Amino acid sequence: MSATAIRRTVLAASAVSLALLATACGGGEQGGEDKEAKGGSTSEKSAAKALTAAELEKLVVAKGDVEGHKITVPGKDDVFEPGSVSVDRAECEPVAQVLSALPASKPASSVQRLVVQEPEAAKKDMPSMEELAEMTEEEAEQATLDSLDITKTMASLWSYEADGAEQTLATLREAGKKCAGGFSMTIDGEKQQVSKVSEEKLSAGEDAVAWTVATKTGATPAETKVVVFRQGTTLAGFSSFNIAAVTRGEAFEQPTAVIEAQAAKLG
């Protein structure tokens, strides 16, 4: 399967679950010192600077950061261009954007990495044509699925000026609530139906949302795991897909190791 086919399968067939995970704010009015300790004063937020692309390059997950995973710079066929995603309900656009590994608003800088899981069970190469010819249809299908039983994640860092990251995450959270029942989206001219946005539990960074996005392309259902967390002026986004799990109709886990590694690098 080509990188383009995998990318389009990933983003065409996604099942979303929205996890509304906010950092605890505490009850009642707090003193100015406590407010600054929790989130910084208004003036501090206004003065907060976005990280540059060069700074993000040093902070994004890299080769050797996540055991059992291959991390590379994505190629042109691995990503969608800005403006290639549209929705039938404007309030659902933020969900569609991050599902497609695009930022929900306009960051000052960004970087991306393609992270591919390489578990022992998945270290089976795709069978050759000769090998497939010697198998029964069921054996060939099983062997092919075994070779695809890996989770692929597009990991992104988006940095914003002032409180842009905080505001963008709040917008994502609200969009997840409004669009939990689904919406229609078009990616590169291909129409898909998001059937559900469901809650996932996740704790990362200073604040986070996490979803399982369920989609249908024709009669074929699929799921994509989507996570976005904030650290300072930067959002870390993850859109993950497992071809074998989707084909078998099985659930798969969030890429916890990737998320934790990225959170550690962002501090």
Protein backbone atom coordinates (compact mmCIF):
# COMPACT_ATOMS: atom_id res chain seq x y z
CA MET A 1 0.00 0.00 0.00
CA SER A 2 1.45 3.40 -0.95
CA ALA A 3 2.06 6.20 1.52
CA THR A 4 -0.68 8.20 -0.21
CA ALA A 5 -3.15 5.33 0.08
CA ILE A 6 -2.32 4.82 3.75
CA ARG A 7 -2.61 8.53 4.46
CA ARG A 8 -5.99 8.77 2.77
CA THR A 9 -7.23 5.60 4.43
CA VAL A 10 -6.14 6.97 7.79
CA LEU A 11 -7.87 10.30 7.39
CA ALA A 12 -10.81 9.01 5.41
CA ALA A 13 -11.91 6.48 7.97
CA SER A 14 -11.75 7.92 11.47
CA ALA A 15 -13.86 7.35 14.60
CA VAL A 16 -13.60 10.23 17.05
CA SER A 17 -13.81 10.28 20.77
CA LEU A 18 -13.51 13.62 22.50
CA ALA A 19 -11.81 13.71 25.83
CA LEU A 20 -12.46 16.94 27.66
CA LEU A 21 -9.51 17.04 29.98
CA ALA A 22 -8.92 20.37 31.68
CA THR A 23 -6.38 21.12 34.37
CA ALA A 24 -8.08 21.59 37.72
CA CYS A 25 -8.74 25.24 38.43
CA GLY A 26 -9.73 25.07 42.09
CA GLY A 27 -12.89 26.56 43.56
CA GLY A 28 -13.60 30.15 44.49
CA GLU A 29 -11.52 33.25 43.97
CA GLN A 30 -7.81 32.91 44.42
CA GLY A 31 -5.27 35.53 45.23
CA GLY A 32 -3.20 37.10 42.46
CA GLU A 33 -0.17 35.06 43.51
CA ASP A 34 -2.10 31.77 43.17
CA LYS A 35 -3.53 32.78 39.79
CA GLU A 36 -0.10 33.58 38.46
CA ALA A 37 1.25 30.29 39.79
CA LYS A 38 -1.51 28.32 38.04
CA GLY A 39 -1.64 30.01 34.66
CA GLY A 40 0.21 33.29 34.70
CA SER A 41 -1.25 36.78 34.85
CA THR A 42 -3.10 38.38 31.93
CA SER A 43 -0.10 40.56 31.19
CA GLU A 44 2.21 37.52 31.20
CA LYS A 45 -0.06 35.67 28.78
CA SER A 46 -0.23 38.68 26.48
CA ALA A 47 3.56 38.88 26.43
CA ALA A 48 4.11 35.15 25.87
CA LYS A 49 6.04 34.43 22.70
CA ALA A 50 5.61 31.61 20.21
CA LEU A 51 8.54 29.30 19.71
CA THR A 52 10.29 29.53 16.35
CA ALA A 53 10.35 26.67 13.86
CA ALA A 54 14.02 26.15 14.71
CA GLU A 55 13.16 25.84 18.39
CA LEU A 56 10.33 23.41 17.65
CA GLU A 57 12.71 21.26 15.58
CA LYS A 58 14.76 20.72 18.74
CA LEU A 59 11.67 19.82 20.78
CA VAL A 60 9.69 17.53 18.46
CA VAL A 61 10.11 13.78 18.98
CA ALA A 62 13.09 12.45 17.06
CA LYS A 63 14.88 9.21 16.24
CA GLY A 64 15.65 7.30 19.43
CA ASP A 65 13.12 9.18 21.59
CA VAL A 66 10.46 6.44 21.51
CA GLU A 67 11.61 2.85 21.84
CA GLY A 68 10.19 0.53 19.20
CA HIS A 69 9.15 3.38 16.90
CA LYS A 70 10.56 4.77 13.67
CA ILE A 71 10.41 8.57 13.48
CA THR A 72 10.89 10.46 10.21
CA VAL A 73 10.10 13.80 8.59
CA PRO A 74 6.85 13.22 6.66
CA GLY A 75 6.94 13.34 2.88
CA LYS A 76 4.61 15.31 0.65
CA ASP A 77 2.33 12.29 0.22
CA ASP A 78 2.00 11.86 4.00
CA VAL A 79 0.34 15.22 4.72
CA PHE A 80 -2.61 17.28 3.57
CA GLU A 81 -2.24 20.84 2.33
CA PRO A 82 -3.91 23.68 4.28
CA GLY A 83 -7.31 24.35 2.78
CA SER A 84 -7.80 20.76 1.60
CA VAL A 85 -10.31 19.99 4.38
CA SER A 86 -13.88 21.30 4.47
CA VAL A 87 -16.95 20.49 6.58
CA ASP A 88 -20.72 20.82 6.33
CA ARG A 89 -20.92 22.45 9.78
CA ALA A 90 -18.56 25.34 10.47
CA GLU A 91 -18.40 24.60 14.20
CA CYS A 92 -16.90 21.18 13.41
CA GLU A 93 -13.98 22.49 11.36
CA PRO A 94 -11.49 22.46 14.30
CA VAL A 95 -12.14 18.74 14.82
CA ALA A 96 -11.73 17.99 11.11
CA GLN A 97 -8.49 19.96 10.99
CA VAL A 98 -6.69 18.16 13.82
CA LEU A 99 -8.12 14.81 12.70
CA SER A 100 -6.32 15.51 9.42
CA ALA A 101 -3.11 16.49 11.27
CA LEU A 102 -3.64 20.17 10.43
CA PRO A 103 -3.75 22.96 13.05
CA ALA A 104 -7.15 24.14 14.24
CA SER A 105 -6.08 27.78 13.84
CA LYS A 106 -3.06 29.62 12.44
CA PRO A 107 0.09 29.00 14.51
CA ALA A 108 3.17 31.20 14.25
CA SER A 109 5.32 28.12 13.59
CA SER A 110 4.96 24.37 13.25
CA VAL A 111 6.81 21.08 12.68
CA GLN A 112 5.68 17.49 12.07
CA ARG A 113 7.00 13.95 12.37
CA LEU A 114 5.65 10.61 11.15
CA VAL A 115 5.92 8.04 13.95
CA VAL A 116 5.49 4.37 13.06
CA GLN A 117 5.21 1.69 15.72
CA GLU A 118 7.45 -1.33 15.25
CA PRO A 119 6.32 -3.96 17.79
CA GLU A 120 7.80 -7.44 17.65
CA ALA A 121 4.51 -8.85 16.40
CA ALA A 122 4.50 -6.42 13.50
CA LYS A 123 8.05 -7.08 12.33
CA LYS A 124 6.74 -9.31 9.60
CA ASP A 125 7.44 -7.99 6.14
CA MET A 126 4.66 -7.71 3.61
CA PRO A 127 4.46 -11.14 1.91
CA SER A 128 5.91 -11.30 -1.59
CA MET A 129 3.69 -12.10 -4.55
CA GLU A 130 5.27 -15.56 -4.71
CA GLU A 131 4.54 -16.21 -1.04
CA LEU A 132 0.96 -14.98 -1.37
CA ALA A 133 0.42 -17.25 -4.38
CA GLU A 134 1.26 -20.28 -2.25
CA MET A 135 -1.24 -19.35 0.47
CA THR A 136 -4.97 -19.85 0.71
CA GLU A 137 -7.06 -16.70 0.45
CA GLU A 138 -7.54 -16.63 4.22
CA GLU A 139 -3.83 -17.17 4.88
CA ALA A 140 -2.89 -14.40 2.46
CA GLU A 141 -5.32 -11.99 4.07
CA GLN A 142 -4.05 -12.84 7.55
CA ALA A 143 -0.39 -12.48 6.53
CA THR A 144 -1.06 -9.10 4.93
CA LEU A 145 -2.94 -7.83 7.97
CA ASP A 146 -0.18 -9.03 10.29
CA SER A 147 2.32 -6.94 8.34
CA LEU A 148 0.06 -3.89 8.75
CA ASP A 149 -0.64 -4.36 12.46
CA ILE A 150 1.17 -1.17 13.43
CA THR A 151 -0.03 2.19 14.65
CA LYS A 152 1.02 5.19 12.57
CA THR A 153 0.92 8.61 14.19
CA MET A 154 1.36 12.06 12.69
CA ALA A 155 2.87 14.09 15.53
CA SER A 156 2.69 17.89 15.22
CA LEU A 157 3.90 20.88 17.21
CA TRP A 158 2.10 24.19 16.69
CA SER A 159 3.26 27.31 18.55
CA TYR A 160 1.24 30.50 19.03
CA GLU A 161 1.73 34.07 20.19
CA ALA A 162 0.26 35.25 23.52
CA ASP A 163 -2.64 33.00 24.62
CA GLY A 164 -3.30 31.58 21.14
CA ALA A 165 -2.55 28.00 22.17
CA GLU A 166 -4.89 28.23 25.16
CA GLN A 167 -7.68 29.75 23.07
CA THR A 168 -7.24 27.18 20.29
CA LEU A 169 -7.48 24.29 22.74
CA ALA A 170 -10.64 25.81 24.24
CA THR A 171 -12.11 26.06 20.74
CA LEU A 172 -11.24 22.40 20.10
CA ARG A 173 -12.89 21.33 23.33
CA GLU A 174 -16.09 23.19 22.47
CA ALA A 175 -16.08 21.85 18.89
CA GLY A 176 -15.79 18.31 20.22
CA LYS A 177 -18.86 18.82 22.38
CA LYS A 178 -20.94 20.34 19.58
CA CYS A 179 -19.90 17.75 17.02
CA ALA A 180 -20.02 14.59 19.15
CA GLY A 181 -22.93 13.29 17.07
CA GLY A 182 -21.01 13.55 13.81
CA PHE A 183 -20.70 15.69 10.68
CA SER A 184 -19.67 15.44 7.04
CA MET A 185 -16.22 16.39 5.84
CA THR A 186 -14.39 16.48 2.52
CA ILE A 187 -10.64 15.85 2.20
CA ASP A 188 -8.97 16.48 -1.15
CA GLY A 189 -12.39 16.25 -2.79
CA GLU A 190 -13.32 12.94 -1.13
CA LYS A 191 -16.44 13.06 1.05
CA GLN A 192 -16.54 11.20 4.36
CA GLN A 193 -18.93 10.96 7.27
CA VAL A 194 -17.74 11.42 10.83
CA SER A 195 -20.27 9.32 12.72
CA LYS A 196 -19.21 9.95 16.31
CA VAL A 197 -16.80 11.90 18.52
CA SER A 198 -16.29 9.98 21.77
CA GLU A 199 -14.45 10.84 24.96
CA GLU A 200 -11.01 9.41 25.73
CA LYS A 201 -9.20 9.82 29.03
CA LEU A 202 -5.82 11.47 28.84
CA SER A 203 -3.58 13.59 31.04
CA ALA A 204 -0.72 15.41 29.31
CA GLY A 205 0.84 18.86 29.43
CA GLU A 206 -1.04 21.70 31.11
CA ASP A 207 -4.36 20.88 29.42
CA ALA A 208 -5.54 18.36 26.84
CA VAL A 209 -8.35 16.99 24.71
CA ALA A 210 -8.45 13.44 23.37
CA TRP A 211 -10.92 11.82 21.00
CA THR A 212 -11.68 8.64 19.14
CA VAL A 213 -13.13 9.76 15.81
CA ALA A 214 -15.39 7.26 14.07
CA THR A 215 -15.84 7.74 10.33
CA LYS A 216 -17.36 5.95 7.39
CA THR A 217 -16.28 5.97 3.79
CA GLY A 218 -19.14 4.31 1.99
CA ALA A 219 -20.06 1.34 4.18
CA THR A 220 -16.57 0.94 5.66
CA PRO A 221 -16.18 2.14 9.27
CA ALA A 222 -12.87 3.09 10.89
CA GLU A 223 -11.38 4.84 13.89
CA THR A 224 -8.69 7.46 14.39
CA LYS A 225 -7.22 8.45 17.75
CA VAL A 226 -6.76 12.21 18.10
CA VAL A 227 -4.95 13.96 20.96
CA VAL A 228 -4.00 17.60 21.44
CA PHE A 229 -2.29 18.91 24.58
CA ARG A 230 -0.88 22.30 25.52
CA GLN A 231 2.45 23.19 27.07
CA GLY A 232 2.91 26.94 27.38
CA THR A 233 2.43 28.60 23.99
CA THR A 234 2.69 25.30 22.11
CA LEU A 235 0.14 22.64 21.19
CA ALA A 236 1.19 19.05 20.50
CA GLY A 237 -1.18 17.19 18.18
CA PHE A 238 -1.38 13.47 17.39
CA SER A 239 -3.53 11.73 14.76
CA SER A 240 -3.14 7.94 14.89
CA PHE A 241 -4.39 5.02 12.83
CA ASN A 242 -3.93 1.24 12.71
CA ILE A 243 -4.87 -0.29 9.35
CA ALA A 244 -5.09 -3.88 10.59
CA ALA A 245 -7.25 -2.97 13.59
CA VAL A 246 -9.65 -1.00 11.41
CA THR A 247 -9.86 -3.81 8.86
CA ARG A 248 -10.60 -6.35 11.59
CA GLY A 249 -13.05 -4.05 13.33
CA GLU A 250 -10.88 -4.02 16.46
CA ALA A 251 -10.06 -1.20 18.83
CA PHE A 252 -6.50 0.04 19.23
CA GLU A 253 -4.82 2.09 21.94
CA GLN A 254 -3.69 5.70 21.98
CA PRO A 255 0.02 6.05 21.14
CA THR A 256 0.82 6.61 24.82
CA ALA A 257 4.58 6.16 24.47
CA VAL A 258 4.72 8.79 21.72
CA ILE A 259 2.60 11.27 23.68
CA GLU A 260 4.63 10.79 26.85
CA ALA A 261 7.92 11.21 24.98
CA GLN A 262 6.69 14.44 23.38
CA ALA A 263 5.38 15.78 26.70
CA ALA A 264 8.77 15.08 28.31
CA LYS A 265 10.62 17.00 25.61
CA LEU A 266 8.30 19.99 25.93
CA GLY A 267 8.89 20.02 29.69
